[in-house]
C-alpha cells in the first residue's frame, strides 16, 4: 500500500464499514467482476488481494486490474500470476474487450508486472493522491491490453 496511501494502516472500522461492503457488493450483482484474496498455496498465508472491475464512468467491458500485496510478498511473482489469471478470465469468460491498469511512475515493480502480463504503456498522466509519497511528483502511467492482443500472445493460457 506504500504507493497507494504511503503505507498508512487501514483501520478496522474503515475496512468493516467502507471497504468490505464495497467489495462484497460486486458479488451481489454478478460474478463477472470483483475482488479476490491471494493466498499462498503451501502455507495458507494471506498474500494480498486483487481487483478487476470497471472504474466509475468507464465502459463496462474495460475493467481496471489492480493488486495490493503485503510487502513480504513483493518480488515473488504473485502479482504477475494473479494478474495474468484475471486478465485471461476476463477475456475468455467475462466478455472483456480491454483491460487497463495504472500506477505511479516511481512504482517500477508494478509497471514491470503490467509489462510481464503483456500490457502496453498507453500514457503518462497526473492524478492527485491523498497521501503524498516521494516520487509522486513524477506522475502516473497507464497500461492496457486488448482481447485480440492477449489471445494472440496467449492462445493456450489457463
N, C-alpha and C. Protein backbone atom coordinates (compact mmCIF):
# COMPACT_ATOMS: atom_id res chain seq x y z
N UNK A 1 0.81 -1.21 0.00
CA UNK A 1 0.00 0.00 0.00
C UNK A 1 0.85 1.26 0.00
N UNK A 2 2.16 1.12 0.03
CA UNK A 2 3.01 2.30 0.04
C UNK A 2 2.68 3.25 -1.12
N UNK A 3 2.44 2.68 -2.31
CA UNK A 3 2.20 3.51 -3.49
C UNK A 3 0.75 3.96 -3.61
N UNK A 4 -0.10 3.55 -2.71
CA UNK A 4 -1.50 3.97 -2.72
C UNK A 4 -1.75 5.03 -1.65
N UNK A 5 -1.31 4.73 -0.44
CA UNK A 5 -1.59 5.65 0.66
C UNK A 5 -0.39 5.91 1.56
N UNK A 6 0.79 5.73 1.01
CA UNK A 6 2.01 5.98 1.78
C UNK A 6 2.29 4.93 2.84
N UNK A 7 1.59 3.78 2.77
CA UNK A 7 1.78 2.72 3.74
C UNK A 7 0.98 2.90 5.01
N UNK A 8 0.07 3.87 5.01
CA UNK A 8 -0.77 4.14 6.18
C UNK A 8 -1.66 2.92 6.47
N UNK A 9 -1.65 2.42 7.69
CA UNK A 9 -2.52 1.29 8.03
C UNK A 9 -4.00 1.69 7.90
N UNK A 10 -4.79 0.77 7.39
CA UNK A 10 -6.23 1.00 7.28
C UNK A 10 -6.87 0.53 8.58
N UNK A 11 -7.71 1.35 9.16
CA UNK A 11 -8.34 0.98 10.43
C UNK A 11 -9.35 -0.14 10.21
N UNK A 12 -9.56 -0.92 11.24
CA UNK A 12 -10.55 -1.99 11.18
C UNK A 12 -11.93 -1.42 10.86
N UNK A 13 -12.25 -0.25 11.45
CA UNK A 13 -13.55 0.38 11.20
C UNK A 13 -13.71 0.72 9.71
N UNK A 14 -12.67 1.28 9.09
CA UNK A 14 -12.75 1.62 7.66
C UNK A 14 -12.92 0.36 6.81
N UNK A 15 -12.22 -0.70 7.17
CA UNK A 15 -12.35 -1.96 6.44
C UNK A 15 -13.77 -2.49 6.56
N UNK A 16 -14.32 -2.51 7.80
CA UNK A 16 -15.64 -3.07 8.03
C UNK A 16 -16.78 -2.22 7.46
N UNK A 17 -16.64 -0.90 7.53
CA UNK A 17 -17.75 -0.04 7.12
C UNK A 17 -17.67 0.44 5.68
N UNK A 18 -16.46 0.52 5.12
CA UNK A 18 -16.31 1.04 3.76
C UNK A 18 -15.84 -0.02 2.76
N UNK A 19 -14.69 -0.60 3.03
CA UNK A 19 -14.07 -1.45 2.03
C UNK A 19 -14.78 -2.79 1.82
N UNK A 20 -15.02 -3.54 2.87
CA UNK A 20 -15.67 -4.84 2.69
C UNK A 20 -17.06 -4.73 2.07
N UNK A 21 -17.91 -3.81 2.51
CA UNK A 21 -19.21 -3.69 1.84
C UNK A 21 -19.08 -3.36 0.35
N UNK A 22 -18.13 -2.53 -0.02
CA UNK A 22 -17.92 -2.20 -1.44
C UNK A 22 -17.43 -3.44 -2.20
N UNK A 23 -16.52 -4.20 -1.61
CA UNK A 23 -16.02 -5.41 -2.25
C UNK A 23 -17.16 -6.41 -2.45
N UNK A 24 -17.92 -6.65 -1.40
CA UNK A 24 -18.98 -7.66 -1.44
C UNK A 24 -20.13 -7.28 -2.35
N UNK A 25 -20.34 -6.00 -2.57
CA UNK A 25 -21.43 -5.55 -3.45
C UNK A 25 -21.26 -6.08 -4.86
N UNK A 26 -20.03 -6.29 -5.31
CA UNK A 26 -19.82 -6.85 -6.64
C UNK A 26 -20.41 -8.24 -6.78
N UNK A 27 -20.35 -9.04 -5.72
CA UNK A 27 -20.83 -10.41 -5.78
C UNK A 27 -22.34 -10.50 -5.72
N UNK A 28 -22.99 -9.45 -5.25
CA UNK A 28 -24.45 -9.42 -5.22
C UNK A 28 -25.00 -9.14 -6.61
N UNK A 29 -24.23 -8.45 -7.47
CA UNK A 29 -24.73 -8.10 -8.79
C UNK A 29 -24.36 -9.13 -9.85
N UNK A 30 -23.17 -9.70 -9.80
CA UNK A 30 -22.76 -10.74 -10.75
C UNK A 30 -21.40 -11.29 -10.34
N UNK A 31 -20.95 -12.32 -11.06
CA UNK A 31 -19.61 -12.85 -10.77
C UNK A 31 -18.61 -12.44 -11.84
N UNK A 32 -18.99 -11.48 -12.67
CA UNK A 32 -18.13 -11.01 -13.76
C UNK A 32 -16.91 -10.25 -13.22
N UNK A 33 -17.12 -9.40 -12.23
CA UNK A 33 -16.06 -8.57 -11.66
C UNK A 33 -16.06 -8.70 -10.15
N UNK A 34 -14.99 -8.20 -9.56
CA UNK A 34 -14.95 -8.23 -8.11
C UNK A 34 -13.55 -8.11 -7.55
N UNK A 35 -13.39 -8.67 -6.37
CA UNK A 35 -12.16 -8.63 -5.60
C UNK A 35 -11.83 -10.05 -5.17
N UNK A 36 -10.54 -10.38 -5.21
CA UNK A 36 -10.11 -11.73 -4.87
C UNK A 36 -8.96 -11.67 -3.87
N UNK A 37 -9.03 -12.53 -2.87
CA UNK A 37 -7.91 -12.68 -1.94
C UNK A 37 -6.86 -13.57 -2.58
N UNK A 38 -5.60 -13.28 -2.33
CA UNK A 38 -4.50 -14.11 -2.79
C UNK A 38 -3.92 -14.84 -1.58
N UNK A 39 -3.91 -16.15 -1.66
CA UNK A 39 -3.45 -17.00 -0.57
C UNK A 39 -2.28 -17.85 -1.07
N UNK A 40 -1.21 -17.90 -0.29
CA UNK A 40 -0.06 -18.72 -0.66
C UNK A 40 -0.46 -20.19 -0.52
N UNK A 41 -0.26 -20.97 -1.58
CA UNK A 41 -0.77 -22.34 -1.64
C UNK A 41 -0.21 -23.26 -0.56
N UNK A 42 1.08 -23.21 -0.31
CA UNK A 42 1.67 -24.18 0.62
C UNK A 42 1.46 -23.82 2.08
N UNK A 43 1.41 -22.52 2.41
CA UNK A 43 1.29 -22.12 3.81
C UNK A 43 -0.11 -21.67 4.20
N UNK A 44 -0.91 -21.27 3.21
CA UNK A 44 -2.23 -20.72 3.51
C UNK A 44 -2.18 -19.27 3.96
N UNK A 45 -1.00 -18.64 3.88
CA UNK A 45 -0.85 -17.25 4.32
C UNK A 45 -1.52 -16.29 3.35
N UNK A 46 -2.09 -15.23 3.88
CA UNK A 46 -2.69 -14.17 3.07
C UNK A 46 -1.56 -13.38 2.42
N UNK A 47 -1.59 -13.29 1.09
CA UNK A 47 -0.57 -12.58 0.32
C UNK A 47 -1.02 -11.16 0.03
N UNK A 48 -2.31 -10.99 -0.25
CA UNK A 48 -2.86 -9.69 -0.60
C UNK A 48 -4.17 -9.88 -1.32
N UNK A 49 -4.55 -8.89 -2.14
CA UNK A 49 -5.79 -9.02 -2.89
C UNK A 49 -5.69 -8.34 -4.25
N UNK A 50 -6.60 -8.74 -5.14
CA UNK A 50 -6.68 -8.22 -6.50
C UNK A 50 -8.07 -7.66 -6.73
N UNK A 51 -8.16 -6.65 -7.57
CA UNK A 51 -9.47 -6.21 -8.04
C UNK A 51 -9.48 -6.21 -9.56
N UNK A 52 -10.68 -6.43 -10.09
CA UNK A 52 -10.89 -6.48 -11.53
C UNK A 52 -12.31 -5.98 -11.74
N UNK A 53 -12.41 -4.69 -12.06
CA UNK A 53 -13.73 -4.07 -12.20
C UNK A 53 -13.60 -2.74 -12.94
N UNK A 54 -14.66 -2.35 -13.66
CA UNK A 54 -14.61 -1.06 -14.36
C UNK A 54 -14.55 0.09 -13.36
N UNK A 55 -13.78 1.10 -13.70
CA UNK A 55 -13.76 2.30 -12.89
C UNK A 55 -15.04 3.08 -13.14
N UNK A 56 -15.49 3.86 -12.18
CA UNK A 56 -16.70 4.67 -12.41
C UNK A 56 -16.55 5.54 -13.65
N UNK A 57 -17.56 5.52 -14.50
CA UNK A 57 -17.56 6.33 -15.71
C UNK A 57 -16.83 5.72 -16.89
N UNK A 58 -16.28 4.52 -16.73
CA UNK A 58 -15.57 3.84 -17.81
C UNK A 58 -16.47 2.75 -18.41
N UNK A 59 -16.19 2.32 -19.63
CA UNK A 59 -17.01 1.27 -20.26
C UNK A 59 -17.05 0.00 -19.43
N UNK A 60 -18.18 -0.68 -19.44
CA UNK A 60 -18.38 -1.88 -18.65
C UNK A 60 -17.49 -3.04 -19.12
N UNK A 61 -17.05 -3.01 -20.37
CA UNK A 61 -16.21 -4.10 -20.86
C UNK A 61 -14.72 -3.75 -20.85
N UNK A 62 -14.35 -2.71 -20.07
CA UNK A 62 -12.95 -2.31 -19.93
C UNK A 62 -12.58 -2.18 -18.45
N UNK A 63 -12.45 -3.31 -17.77
CA UNK A 63 -12.15 -3.25 -16.34
C UNK A 63 -10.73 -2.81 -16.04
N UNK A 64 -10.58 -2.28 -14.85
CA UNK A 64 -9.26 -1.96 -14.32
C UNK A 64 -8.77 -3.14 -13.50
N UNK A 65 -7.51 -3.48 -13.68
CA UNK A 65 -6.84 -4.50 -12.89
C UNK A 65 -6.04 -3.80 -11.81
N UNK A 66 -6.11 -4.29 -10.60
CA UNK A 66 -5.32 -3.73 -9.51
C UNK A 66 -4.94 -4.82 -8.53
N UNK A 67 -3.90 -4.55 -7.75
CA UNK A 67 -3.44 -5.52 -6.77
C UNK A 67 -2.81 -4.78 -5.60
N UNK A 68 -2.98 -5.34 -4.44
CA UNK A 68 -2.39 -4.82 -3.21
C UNK A 68 -1.79 -6.02 -2.48
N UNK A 69 -0.48 -6.10 -2.47
CA UNK A 69 0.18 -7.25 -1.85
C UNK A 69 0.98 -6.82 -0.63
N UNK A 70 1.04 -7.72 0.34
CA UNK A 70 1.86 -7.48 1.52
C UNK A 70 3.31 -7.34 1.07
N UNK A 71 4.05 -6.46 1.72
CA UNK A 71 5.43 -6.19 1.32
C UNK A 71 6.27 -7.47 1.31
N UNK A 72 6.01 -8.37 2.24
CA UNK A 72 6.76 -9.63 2.30
C UNK A 72 6.54 -10.48 1.04
N UNK A 73 5.50 -10.17 0.27
CA UNK A 73 5.17 -10.93 -0.94
C UNK A 73 5.65 -10.26 -2.22
N UNK A 74 6.24 -9.08 -2.12
CA UNK A 74 6.73 -8.37 -3.30
C UNK A 74 7.87 -9.15 -3.94
N UNK A 75 7.93 -9.14 -5.25
CA UNK A 75 9.03 -9.74 -5.99
C UNK A 75 9.02 -11.25 -6.07
N UNK A 76 7.94 -11.89 -5.66
CA UNK A 76 7.87 -13.36 -5.66
C UNK A 76 6.99 -13.91 -6.79
N UNK A 77 6.49 -13.03 -7.65
CA UNK A 77 5.70 -13.47 -8.79
C UNK A 77 4.20 -13.54 -8.57
N UNK A 78 3.75 -13.27 -7.35
CA UNK A 78 2.31 -13.36 -7.08
C UNK A 78 1.49 -12.34 -7.87
N UNK A 79 1.99 -11.12 -7.99
CA UNK A 79 1.24 -10.09 -8.73
C UNK A 79 1.09 -10.48 -10.19
N UNK A 80 2.15 -10.99 -10.79
CA UNK A 80 2.09 -11.41 -12.19
C UNK A 80 1.16 -12.61 -12.35
N UNK A 81 1.29 -13.60 -11.50
CA UNK A 81 0.45 -14.80 -11.59
C UNK A 81 -1.03 -14.46 -11.44
N UNK A 82 -1.37 -13.69 -10.42
CA UNK A 82 -2.77 -13.33 -10.21
C UNK A 82 -3.31 -12.44 -11.31
N UNK A 83 -2.50 -11.49 -11.77
CA UNK A 83 -2.93 -10.57 -12.82
C UNK A 83 -3.19 -11.33 -14.12
N UNK A 84 -2.28 -12.21 -14.48
CA UNK A 84 -2.46 -12.97 -15.73
C UNK A 84 -3.70 -13.84 -15.66
N UNK A 85 -3.97 -14.42 -14.51
CA UNK A 85 -5.18 -15.26 -14.37
C UNK A 85 -6.45 -14.42 -14.52
N UNK A 86 -6.48 -13.24 -13.92
CA UNK A 86 -7.67 -12.39 -14.04
C UNK A 86 -7.84 -11.84 -15.45
N UNK A 87 -6.75 -11.44 -16.08
CA UNK A 87 -6.83 -10.95 -17.46
C UNK A 87 -7.38 -12.05 -18.37
N UNK A 88 -6.84 -13.25 -18.24
CA UNK A 88 -7.29 -14.36 -19.07
C UNK A 88 -8.76 -14.68 -18.82
N UNK A 89 -9.16 -14.73 -17.59
CA UNK A 89 -10.56 -14.99 -17.24
C UNK A 89 -11.47 -13.93 -17.84
N UNK A 90 -11.03 -12.66 -17.75
CA UNK A 90 -11.83 -11.58 -18.30
C UNK A 90 -12.05 -11.73 -19.79
N UNK A 91 -11.00 -12.04 -20.52
CA UNK A 91 -11.12 -12.16 -21.97
C UNK A 91 -11.84 -13.43 -22.40
N UNK A 92 -11.62 -14.53 -21.70
CA UNK A 92 -12.20 -15.81 -22.13
C UNK A 92 -13.60 -16.07 -21.58
N UNK A 93 -13.93 -15.46 -20.43
CA UNK A 93 -15.20 -15.81 -19.78
C UNK A 93 -16.13 -14.63 -19.49
N UNK A 94 -15.60 -13.42 -19.40
CA UNK A 94 -16.41 -12.31 -18.90
C UNK A 94 -16.75 -11.26 -19.96
N UNK A 95 -16.45 -11.51 -21.21
CA UNK A 95 -16.81 -10.56 -22.25
C UNK A 95 -16.04 -9.26 -22.23
N UNK A 96 -14.82 -9.29 -21.74
CA UNK A 96 -13.99 -8.09 -21.65
C UNK A 96 -13.36 -7.78 -23.01
N UNK A 97 -13.30 -6.50 -23.38
CA UNK A 97 -12.68 -6.08 -24.63
C UNK A 97 -11.25 -5.56 -24.42
N UNK A 98 -11.03 -4.96 -23.25
CA UNK A 98 -9.73 -4.31 -22.97
C UNK A 98 -9.57 -4.23 -21.46
N UNK A 99 -8.35 -4.46 -20.97
CA UNK A 99 -8.04 -4.35 -19.54
C UNK A 99 -7.04 -3.21 -19.38
N UNK A 100 -7.26 -2.37 -18.37
CA UNK A 100 -6.37 -1.26 -18.08
C UNK A 100 -5.83 -1.38 -16.66
N UNK A 101 -4.70 -0.76 -16.42
CA UNK A 101 -4.10 -0.70 -15.09
C UNK A 101 -3.23 0.55 -15.03
N UNK A 102 -3.07 1.10 -13.85
CA UNK A 102 -2.21 2.27 -13.71
C UNK A 102 -1.45 2.22 -12.40
N UNK A 103 -0.37 3.00 -12.36
CA UNK A 103 0.46 3.09 -11.16
C UNK A 103 1.28 4.36 -11.24
N UNK A 104 1.92 4.69 -10.16
CA UNK A 104 2.84 5.83 -10.16
C UNK A 104 4.08 5.48 -10.98
N UNK A 105 4.66 6.47 -11.62
CA UNK A 105 5.88 6.28 -12.41
C UNK A 105 6.96 5.64 -11.54
N UNK A 106 7.06 6.02 -10.28
CA UNK A 106 8.12 5.51 -9.40
C UNK A 106 7.89 4.06 -8.95
N UNK A 107 6.71 3.53 -9.21
CA UNK A 107 6.41 2.16 -8.80
C UNK A 107 6.84 1.19 -9.91
N UNK A 108 8.14 1.07 -10.07
CA UNK A 108 8.71 0.26 -11.15
C UNK A 108 8.27 -1.20 -11.05
N UNK A 109 8.14 -1.72 -9.85
CA UNK A 109 7.71 -3.10 -9.67
C UNK A 109 6.33 -3.34 -10.26
N UNK A 110 5.42 -2.40 -10.06
CA UNK A 110 4.06 -2.57 -10.57
C UNK A 110 4.01 -2.47 -12.09
N UNK A 111 4.70 -1.48 -12.65
CA UNK A 111 4.63 -1.43 -14.12
C UNK A 111 5.40 -2.56 -14.75
N UNK A 112 6.36 -3.12 -14.06
CA UNK A 112 7.05 -4.32 -14.54
C UNK A 112 6.07 -5.50 -14.62
N UNK A 113 5.22 -5.63 -13.60
CA UNK A 113 4.19 -6.67 -13.61
C UNK A 113 3.27 -6.48 -14.82
N UNK A 114 2.84 -5.24 -15.06
CA UNK A 114 1.95 -4.97 -16.19
C UNK A 114 2.60 -5.37 -17.50
N UNK A 115 3.87 -5.08 -17.65
CA UNK A 115 4.58 -5.45 -18.88
C UNK A 115 4.73 -6.97 -19.00
N UNK A 116 5.00 -7.65 -17.89
CA UNK A 116 5.09 -9.11 -17.92
C UNK A 116 3.75 -9.75 -18.29
N UNK A 117 2.68 -9.02 -18.06
CA UNK A 117 1.33 -9.50 -18.40
C UNK A 117 0.94 -9.15 -19.83
N UNK A 118 1.86 -8.59 -20.59
CA UNK A 118 1.57 -8.26 -21.98
C UNK A 118 0.88 -6.92 -22.18
N UNK A 119 0.83 -6.12 -21.14
CA UNK A 119 0.20 -4.82 -21.25
C UNK A 119 1.20 -3.82 -21.83
N UNK A 120 0.69 -2.83 -22.54
CA UNK A 120 1.50 -1.80 -23.18
C UNK A 120 1.24 -0.46 -22.52
N UNK A 121 2.31 0.32 -22.33
CA UNK A 121 2.15 1.65 -21.75
C UNK A 121 1.39 2.52 -22.75
N UNK A 122 0.29 3.10 -22.30
CA UNK A 122 -0.59 3.90 -23.14
C UNK A 122 -0.31 5.39 -22.98
N UNK A 123 -0.13 5.80 -21.72
CA UNK A 123 0.05 7.23 -21.50
C UNK A 123 0.65 7.48 -20.13
N UNK A 124 1.16 8.69 -19.97
CA UNK A 124 1.55 9.21 -18.66
C UNK A 124 0.55 10.30 -18.32
N UNK A 125 0.20 10.40 -17.07
CA UNK A 125 -0.77 11.40 -16.62
C UNK A 125 -0.48 11.76 -15.19
N UNK A 126 -1.24 12.65 -14.66
CA UNK A 126 -1.03 13.11 -13.28
C UNK A 126 -2.36 13.08 -12.55
N UNK A 127 -2.36 12.44 -11.40
CA UNK A 127 -3.55 12.46 -10.55
C UNK A 127 -3.13 12.85 -9.13
N UNK A 128 -4.05 13.38 -8.40
CA UNK A 128 -3.77 13.79 -7.02
C UNK A 128 -3.92 12.58 -6.11
N UNK A 129 -2.99 12.43 -5.21
CA UNK A 129 -3.01 11.36 -4.22
C UNK A 129 -3.23 11.98 -2.85
N UNK A 130 -4.12 11.39 -2.06
CA UNK A 130 -4.42 11.98 -0.75
C UNK A 130 -3.25 11.91 0.23
N UNK A 131 -2.33 10.97 0.02
CA UNK A 131 -1.19 10.80 0.91
C UNK A 131 0.08 10.86 0.06
N UNK A 132 0.66 12.04 -0.11
CA UNK A 132 1.85 12.18 -0.96
C UNK A 132 3.00 11.31 -0.47
N UNK A 133 3.73 10.75 -1.43
CA UNK A 133 4.93 9.99 -1.13
C UNK A 133 6.06 10.52 -2.01
N UNK A 134 7.30 10.25 -1.66
CA UNK A 134 8.41 10.68 -2.52
C UNK A 134 8.27 10.07 -3.91
N UNK A 135 8.34 10.91 -4.92
CA UNK A 135 8.26 10.45 -6.30
C UNK A 135 6.91 10.64 -6.95
N UNK A 136 5.86 10.95 -6.17
CA UNK A 136 4.55 11.11 -6.82
C UNK A 136 4.50 12.33 -7.73
N UNK A 137 5.49 13.23 -7.58
CA UNK A 137 5.54 14.39 -8.46
C UNK A 137 5.90 14.00 -9.90
N UNK A 138 6.37 12.77 -10.11
CA UNK A 138 6.69 12.32 -11.47
C UNK A 138 5.47 11.81 -12.22
N UNK A 139 4.34 11.72 -11.53
CA UNK A 139 3.09 11.34 -12.19
C UNK A 139 2.82 9.85 -12.20
N UNK A 140 1.94 9.48 -13.11
CA UNK A 140 1.42 8.13 -13.18
C UNK A 140 1.49 7.61 -14.61
N UNK A 141 1.39 6.30 -14.76
CA UNK A 141 1.37 5.67 -16.07
C UNK A 141 0.16 4.75 -16.17
N UNK A 142 -0.38 4.66 -17.38
CA UNK A 142 -1.50 3.75 -17.64
C UNK A 142 -1.04 2.73 -18.66
N UNK A 143 -1.42 1.48 -18.41
CA UNK A 143 -1.13 0.36 -19.30
C UNK A 143 -2.46 -0.25 -19.73
N UNK A 144 -2.43 -0.96 -20.87
CA UNK A 144 -3.65 -1.64 -21.35
C UNK A 144 -3.26 -2.82 -22.23
N UNK A 145 -4.19 -3.75 -22.35
CA UNK A 145 -4.08 -4.86 -23.29
C UNK A 145 -5.48 -5.14 -23.83
N UNK A 146 -5.57 -5.40 -25.12
CA UNK A 146 -6.85 -5.72 -25.74
C UNK A 146 -7.04 -7.23 -25.79
N UNK A 147 -8.26 -7.62 -26.01
CA UNK A 147 -8.57 -9.05 -26.11
C UNK A 147 -7.80 -9.69 -27.26
N UNK A 148 -7.79 -9.05 -28.41
CA UNK A 148 -7.10 -9.66 -29.57
C UNK A 148 -5.60 -9.79 -29.30
N UNK A 149 -4.97 -8.79 -28.69
CA UNK A 149 -3.54 -8.87 -28.37
C UNK A 149 -3.27 -9.99 -27.37
N UNK A 150 -4.13 -10.09 -26.34
CA UNK A 150 -3.95 -11.13 -25.33
C UNK A 150 -4.09 -12.52 -25.93
N UNK A 151 -5.16 -12.74 -26.68
CA UNK A 151 -5.41 -14.08 -27.22
C UNK A 151 -4.37 -14.49 -28.25
N UNK A 152 -3.84 -13.53 -29.01
CA UNK A 152 -2.81 -13.90 -29.99
C UNK A 152 -1.49 -14.23 -29.29
N UNK A 153 -1.22 -13.64 -28.14
CA UNK A 153 0.02 -13.92 -27.41
C UNK A 153 -0.12 -15.07 -26.42
N UNK A 154 -1.35 -15.42 -26.06
CA UNK A 154 -1.60 -16.44 -25.03
C UNK A 154 -2.69 -17.41 -25.48
N UNK A 155 -2.52 -18.07 -26.62
CA UNK A 155 -3.62 -18.89 -27.14
C UNK A 155 -4.01 -20.06 -26.26
N UNK A 156 -3.09 -20.57 -25.47
CA UNK A 156 -3.38 -21.75 -24.65
C UNK A 156 -3.25 -21.49 -23.16
N UNK A 157 -3.28 -20.22 -22.77
CA UNK A 157 -3.14 -19.86 -21.35
C UNK A 157 -4.34 -20.41 -20.59
N UNK A 158 -4.13 -20.70 -19.32
CA UNK A 158 -5.23 -21.05 -18.44
C UNK A 158 -5.50 -22.44 -18.36
